[in-house]
């Protein structure tokens, strides 16, 4: 009898899809900002950035090294992703995420958002932390074409089931006639890693 009632109630009041999908803004604390700044100047920070830079350039030549770097390119978007692998640690991965953001701000960008998305994907929980940067349009002279610098930039840190997976840096250019052509992506890469050469 209970299964008949459950069946009737199930048809009258179907269960809602329980897929996890949460998006929230979060704040980088002043303490974390200071920690990242110190890490960037430390031997570990400099060595990590130099390693990622070297592996990026290896990949453009068709070679792989750990942690593996993946090249992303299309006519309107270019970037790279870094797989979580030795010698990276969870703490290093987090510092690298914010260090890339710090370097992008140093290029003249404004960080317009910092958010976290948690969702179910194929029976796993994927957490994506994302920083999004835009060129400083408030200083633009709208009587001329607007400088887009290198385009809009996003930095993502992705974890699967609370385990780090990869970091991604993506630059997307404006194709709108209101904007000047974007500066070359390779120049962006050079500036991102400049003090690590």
C-alpha atoms as a PDB file:
ATOM      1  CA  UNK A   1       0.000   0.000   0.000  1.00  0.00           C
ATOM      2  CA  UNK A   2       2.840   2.424   0.855  1.00  0.00           C
ATOM      3  CA  UNK A   3       4.357   2.102  -2.623  1.00  0.00           C
ATOM      4  CA  UNK A   4       0.982   2.963  -4.243  1.00  0.00           C
ATOM      5  CA  UNK A   5       0.684   6.108  -2.097  1.00  0.00           C
ATOM      6  CA  UNK A   6       4.355   6.994  -2.762  1.00  0.00           C
ATOM      7  CA  UNK A   7       3.723   6.495  -6.489  1.00  0.00           C
ATOM      8  CA  UNK A   8       0.629   8.759  -6.452  1.00  0.00           C
ATOM      9  CA  UNK A   9       2.385  11.421  -4.355  1.00  0.00           C
ATOM     10  CA  UNK A  10       5.429  11.168  -6.639  1.00  0.00           C
ATOM     11  CA  UNK A  11       3.239  11.940  -9.651  1.00  0.00           C
ATOM     12  CA  UNK A  12       1.452  14.802  -7.886  1.00  0.00           C
ATOM     13  CA  UNK A  13       4.601  16.290  -6.373  1.00  0.00           C
ATOM     14  CA  UNK A  14       7.618  15.268  -8.456  1.00  0.00           C
ATOM     15  CA  UNK A  15      10.976  15.568  -6.718  1.00  0.00           C
ATOM     16  CA  UNK A  16      12.901  18.620  -7.759  1.00  0.00           C
ATOM     17  CA  UNK A  17      16.197  18.176  -9.519  1.00  0.00           C
ATOM     18  CA  UNK A  18      18.784  18.240  -6.760  1.00  0.00           C
ATOM     19  CA  UNK A  19      21.757  19.162  -8.931  1.00  0.00           C
ATOM     20  CA  UNK A  20      24.120  21.408  -7.044  1.00  0.00           C
ATOM     21  CA  UNK A  21      24.612  24.815  -8.646  1.00  0.00           C
ATOM     22  CA  UNK A  22      25.798  27.634  -6.401  1.00  0.00           C
ATOM     23  CA  UNK A  23      27.467  30.866  -7.487  1.00  0.00           C
ATOM     24  CA  UNK A  24      28.747  33.422  -4.991  1.00  0.00           C
ATOM     25  CA  UNK A  25      31.076  36.379  -4.845  1.00  0.00           C
ATOM     26  CA  UNK A  26      33.892  36.259  -2.344  1.00  0.00           C
ATOM     27  CA  UNK A  27      36.573  38.625  -1.090  1.00  0.00           C
ATOM     28  CA  UNK A  28      40.328  38.250  -0.959  1.00  0.00           C
ATOM     29  CA  UNK A  29      41.362  39.342   2.544  1.00  0.00           C
ATOM     30  CA  UNK A  30      44.119  41.883   3.127  1.00  0.00           C
ATOM     31  CA  UNK A  31      46.043  39.158   4.946  1.00  0.00           C
ATOM     32  CA  UNK A  32      45.803  36.892   1.889  1.00  0.00           C
ATOM     33  CA  UNK A  33      46.898  39.744  -0.409  1.00  0.00           C
ATOM     34  CA  UNK A  34      50.003  40.286   1.744  1.00  0.00           C
ATOM     35  CA  UNK A  35      50.721  36.532   1.816  1.00  0.00           C
ATOM     36  CA  UNK A  36      50.518  36.363  -1.989  1.00  0.00           C
ATOM     37  CA  UNK A  37      52.760  39.447  -2.407  1.00  0.00           C
ATOM     38  CA  UNK A  38      55.387  37.885  -0.105  1.00  0.00           C
ATOM     39  CA  UNK A  39      55.079  34.548  -1.906  1.00  0.00           C
ATOM     40  CA  UNK A  40      55.620  36.235  -5.288  1.00  0.00           C
ATOM     41  CA  UNK A  41      58.896  37.725  -4.019  1.00  0.00           C
ATOM     42  CA  UNK A  42      60.026  34.510  -2.288  1.00  0.00           C
ATOM     43  CA  UNK A  43      62.330  31.944  -3.942  1.00  0.00           C
ATOM     44  CA  UNK A  44      59.411  29.474  -4.063  1.00  0.00           C
ATOM     45  CA  UNK A  45      57.141  32.004  -5.801  1.00  0.00           C
ATOM     46  CA  UNK A  46      59.794  33.088  -8.302  1.00  0.00           C
ATOM     47  CA  UNK A  47      60.760  29.485  -9.050  1.00  0.00           C
ATOM     48  CA  UNK A  48      57.127  28.447  -9.529  1.00  0.00           C
ATOM     49  CA  UNK A  49      56.393  31.316 -11.925  1.00  0.00           C
ATOM     50  CA  UNK A  50      59.641  30.582 -13.812  1.00  0.00           C
ATOM     51  CA  UNK A  51      58.687  26.900 -14.081  1.00  0.00           C
ATOM     52  CA  UNK A  52      55.230  27.696 -15.483  1.00  0.00           C
ATOM     53  CA  UNK A  53      56.791  30.180 -17.943  1.00  0.00           C
ATOM     54  CA  UNK A  54      59.381  27.606 -19.059  1.00  0.00           C
ATOM     55  CA  UNK A  55      56.732  24.901 -19.477  1.00  0.00           C
ATOM     56  CA  UNK A  56      54.522  27.307 -21.455  1.00  0.00           C
ATOM     57  CA  UNK A  57      57.381  27.978 -23.878  1.00  0.00           C
ATOM     58  CA  UNK A  58      58.222  24.261 -24.013  1.00  0.00           C
ATOM     59  CA  UNK A  59      54.612  23.534 -24.976  1.00  0.00           C
ATOM     60  CA  UNK A  60      54.678  26.108 -27.796  1.00  0.00           C
ATOM     61  CA  UNK A  61      57.678  24.131 -29.144  1.00  0.00           C
ATOM     62  CA  UNK A  62      55.833  20.824 -28.873  1.00  0.00           C
ATOM     63  CA  UNK A  63      57.480  19.580 -25.656  1.00  0.00           C
ATOM     64  CA  UNK A  64      55.858  18.664 -22.337  1.00  0.00           C
ATOM     65  CA  UNK A  65      57.116  18.962 -18.795  1.00  0.00           C
ATOM     66  CA  UNK A  66      55.398  18.792 -15.395  1.00  0.00           C
ATOM     67  CA  UNK A  67      53.294  20.546 -14.432  1.00  0.00           C
ATOM     68  CA  UNK A  68      51.875  20.313 -17.941  1.00  0.00           C
ATOM     69  CA  UNK A  69      50.789  23.513 -19.663  1.00  0.00           C
ATOM     70  CA  UNK A  70      48.039  23.431 -22.291  1.00  0.00           C
ATOM     71  CA  UNK A  71      47.820  26.130 -24.966  1.00  0.00           C
ATOM     72  CA  UNK A  72      44.426  27.635 -25.797  1.00  0.00           C
ATOM     73  CA  UNK A  73      44.097  29.718 -28.948  1.00  0.00           C
ATOM     74  CA  UNK A  74      41.465  30.907 -31.376  1.00  0.00           C
ATOM     75  CA  UNK A  75      40.936  34.101 -33.391  1.00  0.00           C
ATOM     76  CA  UNK A  76      39.302  35.913 -30.429  1.00  0.00           C
ATOM     77  CA  UNK A  77      40.633  34.118 -27.349  1.00  0.00           C
ATOM     78  CA  UNK A  78      44.084  32.952 -26.291  1.00  0.00           C
ATOM     79  CA  UNK A  79      45.380  31.512 -23.086  1.00  0.00           C
ATOM     80  CA  UNK A  80      46.842  28.571 -21.280  1.00  0.00           C
ATOM     81  CA  UNK A  81      45.969  26.100 -18.574  1.00  0.00           C
ATOM     82  CA  UNK A  82      48.285  24.554 -15.991  1.00  0.00           C
ATOM     83  CA  UNK A  83      47.522  21.052 -14.712  1.00  0.00           C
ATOM     84  CA  UNK A  84      47.844  20.441 -10.991  1.00  0.00           C
ATOM     85  CA  UNK A  85      50.914  18.239 -10.732  1.00  0.00           C
ATOM     86  CA  UNK A  86      54.229  18.021  -8.880  1.00  0.00           C
ATOM     87  CA  UNK A  87      55.917  20.140  -7.688  1.00  0.00           C
ATOM     88  CA  UNK A  88      52.741  22.222  -7.176  1.00  0.00           C
ATOM     89  CA  UNK A  89      50.946  21.979  -3.848  1.00  0.00           C
ATOM     90  CA  UNK A  90      47.438  23.068  -2.917  1.00  0.00           C
ATOM     91  CA  UNK A  91      48.842  26.215  -1.249  1.00  0.00           C
ATOM     92  CA  UNK A  92      51.098  26.979  -4.226  1.00  0.00           C
ATOM     93  CA  UNK A  93      48.141  26.556  -6.571  1.00  0.00           C
ATOM     94  CA  UNK A  94      46.093  29.073  -4.582  1.00  0.00           C
ATOM     95  CA  UNK A  95      48.993  31.537  -4.451  1.00  0.00           C
ATOM     96  CA  UNK A  96      49.547  31.140  -8.198  1.00  0.00           C
ATOM     97  CA  UNK A  97      45.862  31.902  -8.865  1.00  0.00           C
ATOM     98  CA  UNK A  98      46.088  35.213  -6.999  1.00  0.00           C
ATOM     99  CA  UNK A  99      49.640  35.960  -8.246  1.00  0.00           C
ATOM    100  CA  UNK A 100      48.432  35.838 -11.852  1.00  0.00           C
ATOM    101  CA  UNK A 101      45.675  38.267 -10.840  1.00  0.00           C
ATOM    102  CA  UNK A 102      48.204  40.591  -9.209  1.00  0.00           C
ATOM    103  CA  UNK A 103      50.338  40.614 -12.382  1.00  0.00           C
ATOM    104  CA  UNK A 104      47.270  41.415 -14.518  1.00  0.00           C
ATOM    105  CA  UNK A 105      46.403  44.384 -12.274  1.00  0.00           C
ATOM    106  CA  UNK A 106      50.027  45.536 -12.682  1.00  0.00           C
ATOM    107  CA  UNK A 107      49.399  45.622 -16.461  1.00  0.00           C
ATOM    108  CA  UNK A 108      46.753  48.330 -15.916  1.00  0.00           C
ATOM    109  CA  UNK A 109      43.654  46.144 -15.553  1.00  0.00           C
ATOM    110  CA  UNK A 110      40.825  46.443 -13.050  1.00  0.00           C
ATOM    111  CA  UNK A 111      39.512  43.311 -11.361  1.00  0.00           C
ATOM    112  CA  UNK A 112      35.734  43.547 -11.796  1.00  0.00           C
ATOM    113  CA  UNK A 113      34.739  40.279 -10.138  1.00  0.00           C
ATOM    114  CA  UNK A 114      35.940  37.487  -7.891  1.00  0.00           C
ATOM    115  CA  UNK A 115      33.499  34.616  -7.634  1.00  0.00           C
ATOM    116  CA  UNK A 116      33.128  30.938  -6.898  1.00  0.00           C
ATOM    117  CA  UNK A 117      30.840  28.460  -8.641  1.00  0.00           C
ATOM    118  CA  UNK A 118      30.092  25.021  -7.180  1.00  0.00           C
ATOM    119  CA  UNK A 119      28.241  22.530  -9.363  1.00  0.00           C
ATOM    120  CA  UNK A 120      27.570  18.847  -9.961  1.00  0.00           C
ATOM    121  CA  UNK A 121      29.254  17.567 -13.114  1.00  0.00           C
ATOM    122  CA  UNK A 122      29.105  13.839 -13.933  1.00  0.00           C
ATOM    123  CA  UNK A 123      28.589  12.818 -10.279  1.00  0.00           C
ATOM    124  CA  UNK A 124      31.495  14.993  -9.162  1.00  0.00           C
ATOM    125  CA  UNK A 125      31.537  18.396  -7.500  1.00  0.00           C
ATOM    126  CA  UNK A 126      33.417  20.994  -9.535  1.00  0.00           C
ATOM    127  CA  UNK A 127      34.432  24.228  -7.817  1.00  0.00           C
ATOM    128  CA  UNK A 128      35.579  27.087 -10.058  1.00  0.00           C
ATOM    129  CA  UNK A 129      37.083  30.218  -8.528  1.00  0.00           C
ATOM    130  CA  UNK A 130      37.307  32.999 -11.092  1.00  0.00           C
ATOM    131  CA  UNK A 131      38.856  36.450 -11.294  1.00  0.00           C
ATOM    132  CA  UNK A 132      37.691  38.643 -14.173  1.00  0.00           C
ATOM    133  CA  UNK A 133      39.626  41.690 -15.384  1.00  0.00           C
ATOM    134  CA  UNK A 134      38.797  44.513 -17.790  1.00  0.00           C
ATOM    135  CA  UNK A 135      40.876  47.365 -19.185  1.00  0.00           C
ATOM    136  CA  UNK A 136      40.249  50.672 -17.364  1.00  0.00           C
ATOM    137  CA  UNK A 137      37.452  52.133 -19.497  1.00  0.00           C
ATOM    138  CA  UNK A 138      36.772  54.969 -17.042  1.00  0.00           C
ATOM    139  CA  UNK A 139      39.935  56.706 -18.282  1.00  0.00           C
ATOM    140  CA  UNK A 140      39.011  56.212 -21.934  1.00  0.00           C
ATOM    141  CA  UNK A 141      38.634  59.164 -24.308  1.00  0.00           C
ATOM    142  CA  UNK A 142      35.424  58.200 -26.137  1.00  0.00           C
ATOM    143  CA  UNK A 143      36.164  60.584 -29.027  1.00  0.00           C
ATOM    144  CA  UNK A 144      38.872  58.095 -30.111  1.00  0.00           C
ATOM    145  CA  UNK A 145      39.051  54.337 -30.377  1.00  0.00           C
ATOM    146  CA  UNK A 146      39.361  52.776 -26.931  1.00  0.00           C
ATOM    147  CA  UNK A 147      42.454  50.842 -25.901  1.00  0.00           C
ATOM    148  CA  UNK A 148      41.516  47.316 -24.886  1.00  0.00           C
ATOM    149  CA  UNK A 149      45.114  46.536 -23.842  1.00  0.00           C
ATOM    150  CA  UNK A 150      45.207  42.760 -24.497  1.00  0.00           C
ATOM    151  CA  UNK A 151      41.428  42.253 -24.157  1.00  0.00           C
ATOM    152  CA  UNK A 152      39.414  41.003 -21.188  1.00  0.00           C
ATOM    153  CA  UNK A 153      41.222  38.510 -18.961  1.00  0.00           C
ATOM    154  CA  UNK A 154      39.915  35.739 -16.738  1.00  0.00           C
ATOM    155  CA  UNK A 155      41.847  33.534 -14.339  1.00  0.00           C
ATOM    156  CA  UNK A 156      40.162  30.343 -13.131  1.00  0.00           C
ATOM    157  CA  UNK A 157      41.155  27.786 -10.513  1.00  0.00           C
ATOM    158  CA  UNK A 158      39.228  24.530 -10.872  1.00  0.00           C
ATOM    159  CA  UNK A 159      38.941  21.790  -8.257  1.00  0.00           C
ATOM    160  CA  UNK A 160      37.133  18.463  -8.588  1.00  0.00           C
ATOM    161  CA  UNK A 161      35.800  16.975  -5.330  1.00  0.00           C
ATOM    162  CA  UNK A 162      37.964  19.481  -3.394  1.00  0.00           C
ATOM    163  CA  UNK A 163      41.130  18.325  -5.200  1.00  0.00           C
ATOM    164  CA  UNK A 164      42.942  20.944  -7.337  1.00  0.00           C
ATOM    165  CA  UNK A 165      42.672  20.167 -11.064  1.00  0.00           C
ATOM    166  CA  UNK A 166      43.932  23.076 -13.178  1.00  0.00           C
ATOM    167  CA  UNK A 167      44.435  26.840 -13.480  1.00  0.00           C
ATOM    168  CA  UNK A 168      43.399  28.666 -16.643  1.00  0.00           C
ATOM    169  CA  UNK A 169      44.306  32.152 -17.906  1.00  0.00           C
ATOM    170  CA  UNK A 170      42.215  33.302 -20.877  1.00  0.00           C
ATOM    171  CA  UNK A 171      42.412  36.576 -22.816  1.00  0.00           C
ATOM    172  CA  UNK A 172      39.386  37.466 -24.970  1.00  0.00           C
ATOM    173  CA  UNK A 173      39.671  40.363 -27.414  1.00  0.00           C
ATOM    174  CA  UNK A 174      36.977  42.856 -28.412  1.00  0.00           C
ATOM    175  CA  UNK A 175      36.169  42.763 -32.119  1.00  0.00           C
ATOM    176  CA  UNK A 176      34.011  45.902 -31.840  1.00  0.00           C
ATOM    177  CA  UNK A 177      34.958  48.865 -34.093  1.00  0.00           C
ATOM    178  CA  UNK A 178      34.964  51.121 -30.992  1.00  0.00           C
ATOM    179  CA  UNK A 179      38.193  49.484 -29.800  1.00  0.00           C
ATOM    180  CA  UNK A 180      41.785  49.607 -30.991  1.00  0.00           C
ATOM    181  CA  UNK A 181      43.332  46.282 -31.928  1.00  0.00           C
ATOM    182  CA  UNK A 182      44.487  44.296 -28.902  1.00  0.00           C
ATOM    183  CA  UNK A 183      48.187  44.174 -28.102  1.00  0.00           C
ATOM    184  CA  UNK A 184      49.788  40.814 -29.041  1.00  0.00           C
ATOM    185  CA  UNK A 185      49.066  37.880 -26.737  1.00  0.00           C
ATOM    186  CA  UNK A 186      52.755  36.880 -26.623  1.00  0.00           C
ATOM    187  CA  UNK A 187      53.515  40.315 -25.186  1.00  0.00           C
ATOM    188  CA  UNK A 188      50.896  39.619 -22.481  1.00  0.00           C
ATOM    189  CA  UNK A 189      52.674  36.325 -21.700  1.00  0.00           C
ATOM    190  CA  UNK A 190      56.043  38.095 -21.487  1.00  0.00           C
ATOM    191  CA  UNK A 191      54.628  40.658 -19.039  1.00  0.00           C
ATOM    192  CA  UNK A 192      52.863  37.986 -16.986  1.00  0.00           C
ATOM    193  CA  UNK A 193      56.210  36.262 -16.347  1.00  0.00           C
ATOM    194  CA  UNK A 194      58.612  39.204 -16.853  1.00  0.00           C
ATOM    195  CA  UNK A 195      60.374  39.290 -13.487  1.00  0.00           C
ATOM    196  CA  UNK A 196      60.866  35.527 -13.617  1.00  0.00           C
ATOM    197  CA  UNK A 197      63.209  35.552 -16.642  1.00  0.00           C
END
